[in-house]
């Protein structure tokens, strides 16, 4: 599973000049804790992921600046989550707040059984401009299946994020 994920990340960087990506490539890499509020203590593990935003597709709406976001992560117990959805962008000087909602495909590997292959991730990111076109931030997310699966234990995750535009 980890090999599949690493191959996916490498493909993103190798193919960045194809039609998949625009000239405004915004990539985030992140690492953190999966199932941070694990009451039993058996499912908590690390996670590492990558995310892509096409800044050419940002749209100003009555809800603010919105953009499509896609990404994936793998946990230390070989769980995978591939997702795509929408992210808001709210800039407050050097601080950026980015809530998102991303449905996706979850495979448990040897990790936590979330009850369904279809899971929904709600996330809030707080980032700070550190260099030109680069941000460092923190995010907190919740993943669950809205009781559509055989069970719905959900998981809360926290990550440290580095984002840069290419």
C-alpha atoms as a PDB file:
ATOM      1  CA  UNK A   1       0.000   0.000   0.000  1.00  0.00           C
ATOM      2  CA  UNK A   2       2.742   2.455   0.903  1.00  0.00           C
ATOM      3  CA  UNK A   3       4.462   1.698  -2.400  1.00  0.00           C
ATOM      4  CA  UNK A   4       1.233   2.541  -4.268  1.00  0.00           C
ATOM      5  CA  UNK A   5       0.982   5.834  -2.405  1.00  0.00           C
ATOM      6  CA  UNK A   6       4.619   6.782  -3.014  1.00  0.00           C
ATOM      7  CA  UNK A   7       4.129   5.958  -6.700  1.00  0.00           C
ATOM      8  CA  UNK A   8       1.067   8.241  -6.732  1.00  0.00           C
ATOM      9  CA  UNK A   9       3.049  11.130  -5.213  1.00  0.00           C
ATOM     10  CA  UNK A  10       5.920  10.666  -7.659  1.00  0.00           C
ATOM     11  CA  UNK A  11       3.453  10.616 -10.551  1.00  0.00           C
ATOM     12  CA  UNK A  12       2.046  13.958  -9.407  1.00  0.00           C
ATOM     13  CA  UNK A  13       5.468  15.597  -9.517  1.00  0.00           C
ATOM     14  CA  UNK A  14       6.552  13.935 -12.763  1.00  0.00           C
ATOM     15  CA  UNK A  15       3.307  14.831 -14.529  1.00  0.00           C
ATOM     16  CA  UNK A  16       3.050  18.389 -13.235  1.00  0.00           C
ATOM     17  CA  UNK A  17       3.606  19.809 -16.734  1.00  0.00           C
ATOM     18  CA  UNK A  18       0.838  17.749 -18.384  1.00  0.00           C
ATOM     19  CA  UNK A  19      -2.755  18.808 -18.899  1.00  0.00           C
ATOM     20  CA  UNK A  20      -3.659  17.535 -15.446  1.00  0.00           C
ATOM     21  CA  UNK A  21      -2.106  20.635 -13.904  1.00  0.00           C
ATOM     22  CA  UNK A  22      -2.145  24.276 -14.842  1.00  0.00           C
ATOM     23  CA  UNK A  23       0.709  26.726 -14.685  1.00  0.00           C
ATOM     24  CA  UNK A  24      -0.511  27.666 -11.200  1.00  0.00           C
ATOM     25  CA  UNK A  25       0.391  24.478  -9.363  1.00  0.00           C
ATOM     26  CA  UNK A  26      -0.304  24.588  -5.610  1.00  0.00           C
ATOM     27  CA  UNK A  27       0.907  21.449  -3.797  1.00  0.00           C
ATOM     28  CA  UNK A  28       0.739  20.664  -0.087  1.00  0.00           C
ATOM     29  CA  UNK A  29       2.531  17.879   1.726  1.00  0.00           C
ATOM     30  CA  UNK A  30       1.527  16.968   5.243  1.00  0.00           C
ATOM     31  CA  UNK A  31       2.155  14.582   8.082  1.00  0.00           C
ATOM     32  CA  UNK A  32       0.406  14.038  11.374  1.00  0.00           C
ATOM     33  CA  UNK A  33      -1.648  11.722  13.553  1.00  0.00           C
ATOM     34  CA  UNK A  34      -4.526   9.543  12.336  1.00  0.00           C
ATOM     35  CA  UNK A  35      -7.293   8.901  14.892  1.00  0.00           C
ATOM     36  CA  UNK A  36      -5.922  11.406  17.396  1.00  0.00           C
ATOM     37  CA  UNK A  37      -8.874  10.825  19.778  1.00  0.00           C
ATOM     38  CA  UNK A  38      -8.560   7.030  19.896  1.00  0.00           C
ATOM     39  CA  UNK A  39     -10.250   5.970  23.149  1.00  0.00           C
ATOM     40  CA  UNK A  40      -9.151   2.336  22.844  1.00  0.00           C
ATOM     41  CA  UNK A  41      -5.593   3.263  21.855  1.00  0.00           C
ATOM     42  CA  UNK A  42      -5.321   0.635  19.128  1.00  0.00           C
ATOM     43  CA  UNK A  43      -5.957   2.644  15.943  1.00  0.00           C
ATOM     44  CA  UNK A  44      -3.847   5.770  16.467  1.00  0.00           C
ATOM     45  CA  UNK A  45      -0.994   5.964  13.951  1.00  0.00           C
ATOM     46  CA  UNK A  46       0.904   8.377  11.747  1.00  0.00           C
ATOM     47  CA  UNK A  47      -0.227   9.629   8.364  1.00  0.00           C
ATOM     48  CA  UNK A  48       1.493  11.279   5.415  1.00  0.00           C
ATOM     49  CA  UNK A  49      -0.230  12.875   2.453  1.00  0.00           C
ATOM     50  CA  UNK A  50      -0.215  15.180  -0.536  1.00  0.00           C
ATOM     51  CA  UNK A  51      -2.823  17.638  -1.803  1.00  0.00           C
ATOM     52  CA  UNK A  52      -3.296  19.619  -5.015  1.00  0.00           C
ATOM     53  CA  UNK A  53      -5.146  22.863  -5.717  1.00  0.00           C
ATOM     54  CA  UNK A  54      -5.515  24.396  -9.171  1.00  0.00           C
ATOM     55  CA  UNK A  55      -5.467  28.123  -8.430  1.00  0.00           C
ATOM     56  CA  UNK A  56      -6.785  28.867 -11.945  1.00  0.00           C
ATOM     57  CA  UNK A  57     -10.087  27.358 -10.820  1.00  0.00           C
ATOM     58  CA  UNK A  58     -10.567  29.595  -7.748  1.00  0.00           C
ATOM     59  CA  UNK A  59     -13.980  31.252  -7.891  1.00  0.00           C
ATOM     60  CA  UNK A  60     -15.258  34.176  -5.873  1.00  0.00           C
ATOM     61  CA  UNK A  61     -18.739  33.338  -4.576  1.00  0.00           C
ATOM     62  CA  UNK A  62     -21.087  34.684  -1.922  1.00  0.00           C
ATOM     63  CA  UNK A  63     -19.363  32.172   0.426  1.00  0.00           C
ATOM     64  CA  UNK A  64     -15.918  33.582  -0.379  1.00  0.00           C
ATOM     65  CA  UNK A  65     -13.105  32.250  -2.538  1.00  0.00           C
ATOM     66  CA  UNK A  66     -13.673  28.545  -3.374  1.00  0.00           C
ATOM     67  CA  UNK A  67     -11.496  26.060  -5.239  1.00  0.00           C
ATOM     68  CA  UNK A  68     -11.388  22.345  -6.032  1.00  0.00           C
ATOM     69  CA  UNK A  69      -8.946  20.304  -3.947  1.00  0.00           C
ATOM     70  CA  UNK A  70      -7.745  16.721  -4.444  1.00  0.00           C
ATOM     71  CA  UNK A  71      -5.353  14.578  -2.487  1.00  0.00           C
ATOM     72  CA  UNK A  72      -4.486  11.362  -0.755  1.00  0.00           C
ATOM     73  CA  UNK A  73      -2.898  10.066   2.413  1.00  0.00           C
ATOM     74  CA  UNK A  74      -1.582   6.795   3.753  1.00  0.00           C
ATOM     75  CA  UNK A  75      -1.358   5.832   7.430  1.00  0.00           C
ATOM     76  CA  UNK A  76       1.261   3.860   9.307  1.00  0.00           C
ATOM     77  CA  UNK A  77      -1.179   0.920   9.236  1.00  0.00           C
ATOM     78  CA  UNK A  78      -1.528   1.003   5.415  1.00  0.00           C
ATOM     79  CA  UNK A  79      -4.936   2.691   5.326  1.00  0.00           C
ATOM     80  CA  UNK A  80      -5.461   4.826   2.195  1.00  0.00           C
ATOM     81  CA  UNK A  81      -7.776   7.742   1.562  1.00  0.00           C
ATOM     82  CA  UNK A  82      -8.136   9.379  -1.889  1.00  0.00           C
ATOM     83  CA  UNK A  83     -10.369  12.442  -1.965  1.00  0.00           C
ATOM     84  CA  UNK A  84     -11.594  15.366  -4.006  1.00  0.00           C
ATOM     85  CA  UNK A  85     -13.887  18.222  -3.062  1.00  0.00           C
ATOM     86  CA  UNK A  86     -14.061  21.945  -2.422  1.00  0.00           C
ATOM     87  CA  UNK A  87     -11.985  24.253  -0.232  1.00  0.00           C
ATOM     88  CA  UNK A  88     -12.626  27.831   0.881  1.00  0.00           C
ATOM     89  CA  UNK A  89      -9.797  30.368   1.086  1.00  0.00           C
ATOM     90  CA  UNK A  90      -9.997  33.207   3.598  1.00  0.00           C
ATOM     91  CA  UNK A  91      -6.906  35.406   3.960  1.00  0.00           C
ATOM     92  CA  UNK A  92      -6.472  37.543   7.067  1.00  0.00           C
ATOM     93  CA  UNK A  93      -3.159  39.247   6.379  1.00  0.00           C
ATOM     94  CA  UNK A  94      -0.387  36.671   6.736  1.00  0.00           C
ATOM     95  CA  UNK A  95      -2.837  34.117   8.205  1.00  0.00           C
ATOM     96  CA  UNK A  96      -4.977  31.901   5.958  1.00  0.00           C
ATOM     97  CA  UNK A  97      -8.018  29.879   7.002  1.00  0.00           C
ATOM     98  CA  UNK A  98      -9.147  27.113   4.650  1.00  0.00           C
ATOM     99  CA  UNK A  99     -12.177  24.953   5.510  1.00  0.00           C
ATOM    100  CA  UNK A 100     -12.863  22.060   3.140  1.00  0.00           C
ATOM    101  CA  UNK A 101     -15.290  19.235   2.437  1.00  0.00           C
ATOM    102  CA  UNK A 102     -13.961  16.267   0.457  1.00  0.00           C
ATOM    103  CA  UNK A 103     -15.745  12.971  -0.201  1.00  0.00           C
ATOM    104  CA  UNK A 104     -13.402  10.121  -0.997  1.00  0.00           C
ATOM    105  CA  UNK A 105     -12.455   6.475  -1.196  1.00  0.00           C
ATOM    106  CA  UNK A 106     -11.136   4.815   1.985  1.00  0.00           C
ATOM    107  CA  UNK A 107      -9.357   1.470   2.198  1.00  0.00           C
ATOM    108  CA  UNK A 108      -8.631   0.277   5.742  1.00  0.00           C
ATOM    109  CA  UNK A 109      -5.516  -1.833   5.062  1.00  0.00           C
ATOM    110  CA  UNK A 110      -4.537  -3.163   8.502  1.00  0.00           C
ATOM    111  CA  UNK A 111      -5.869   0.006  10.157  1.00  0.00           C
ATOM    112  CA  UNK A 112      -9.189   1.298  11.423  1.00  0.00           C
ATOM    113  CA  UNK A 113     -12.401   0.047   9.824  1.00  0.00           C
ATOM    114  CA  UNK A 114     -14.513   3.159   9.163  1.00  0.00           C
ATOM    115  CA  UNK A 115     -17.466   1.082   7.916  1.00  0.00           C
ATOM    116  CA  UNK A 116     -17.575   2.100   4.256  1.00  0.00           C
ATOM    117  CA  UNK A 117     -15.417   2.708   1.195  1.00  0.00           C
ATOM    118  CA  UNK A 118     -17.188   6.082   0.758  1.00  0.00           C
ATOM    119  CA  UNK A 119     -16.118   8.471   3.509  1.00  0.00           C
ATOM    120  CA  UNK A 120     -16.437  12.247   3.938  1.00  0.00           C
ATOM    121  CA  UNK A 121     -13.669  14.485   5.270  1.00  0.00           C
ATOM    122  CA  UNK A 122     -14.374  17.867   6.845  1.00  0.00           C
ATOM    123  CA  UNK A 123     -11.250  19.890   7.588  1.00  0.00           C
ATOM    124  CA  UNK A 124     -10.098  23.277   8.811  1.00  0.00           C
ATOM    125  CA  UNK A 125      -6.584  24.485   8.002  1.00  0.00           C
ATOM    126  CA  UNK A 126      -4.789  27.465   9.484  1.00  0.00           C
ATOM    127  CA  UNK A 127      -1.671  28.542   7.627  1.00  0.00           C
ATOM    128  CA  UNK A 128       0.845  31.346   7.737  1.00  0.00           C
ATOM    129  CA  UNK A 129       2.813  32.858   4.861  1.00  0.00           C
ATOM    130  CA  UNK A 130       6.453  32.024   5.552  1.00  0.00           C
ATOM    131  CA  UNK A 131       8.129  32.636   2.182  1.00  0.00           C
ATOM    132  CA  UNK A 132       6.964  33.921  -1.175  1.00  0.00           C
ATOM    133  CA  UNK A 133       4.266  31.489  -2.370  1.00  0.00           C
ATOM    134  CA  UNK A 134       4.814  29.137   0.609  1.00  0.00           C
ATOM    135  CA  UNK A 135       2.767  28.459   3.737  1.00  0.00           C
ATOM    136  CA  UNK A 136       3.253  26.465   6.909  1.00  0.00           C
ATOM    137  CA  UNK A 137       0.159  25.415   8.787  1.00  0.00           C
ATOM    138  CA  UNK A 138      -1.878  23.100  10.971  1.00  0.00           C
ATOM    139  CA  UNK A 139      -5.080  21.275  10.125  1.00  0.00           C
ATOM    140  CA  UNK A 140      -7.681  19.262  11.974  1.00  0.00           C
ATOM    141  CA  UNK A 141     -10.024  16.927  10.114  1.00  0.00           C
ATOM    142  CA  UNK A 142     -12.849  14.512  10.794  1.00  0.00           C
ATOM    143  CA  UNK A 143     -13.632  11.568   8.514  1.00  0.00           C
ATOM    144  CA  UNK A 144     -16.880   9.592   8.711  1.00  0.00           C
ATOM    145  CA  UNK A 145     -19.515   8.025   6.461  1.00  0.00           C
ATOM    146  CA  UNK A 146     -22.603   9.853   7.759  1.00  0.00           C
ATOM    147  CA  UNK A 147     -24.066   6.520   8.994  1.00  0.00           C
ATOM    148  CA  UNK A 148     -24.282   5.210   5.413  1.00  0.00           C
ATOM    149  CA  UNK A 149     -21.906   2.329   6.141  1.00  0.00           C
ATOM    150  CA  UNK A 150     -22.183  -0.822   8.210  1.00  0.00           C
ATOM    151  CA  UNK A 151     -20.831   1.217  11.124  1.00  0.00           C
ATOM    152  CA  UNK A 152     -19.612   4.784  11.614  1.00  0.00           C
ATOM    153  CA  UNK A 153     -16.820   5.115  14.184  1.00  0.00           C
ATOM    154  CA  UNK A 154     -15.249   8.115  12.433  1.00  0.00           C
ATOM    155  CA  UNK A 155     -11.747   9.413  12.982  1.00  0.00           C
ATOM    156  CA  UNK A 156     -10.220  12.748  13.924  1.00  0.00           C
ATOM    157  CA  UNK A 157      -6.826  13.651  12.511  1.00  0.00           C
ATOM    158  CA  UNK A 158      -4.319  16.463  12.895  1.00  0.00           C
ATOM    159  CA  UNK A 159      -1.561  17.437  10.501  1.00  0.00           C
ATOM    160  CA  UNK A 160       1.316  19.857   9.969  1.00  0.00           C
ATOM    161  CA  UNK A 161       1.192  21.168   6.391  1.00  0.00           C
ATOM    162  CA  UNK A 162       3.704  22.752   4.035  1.00  0.00           C
ATOM    163  CA  UNK A 163       2.250  24.326   0.874  1.00  0.00           C
ATOM    164  CA  UNK A 164       3.982  25.900  -2.078  1.00  0.00           C
ATOM    165  CA  UNK A 165       3.054  27.241  -5.511  1.00  0.00           C
ATOM    166  CA  UNK A 166       5.142  26.191  -8.477  1.00  0.00           C
END
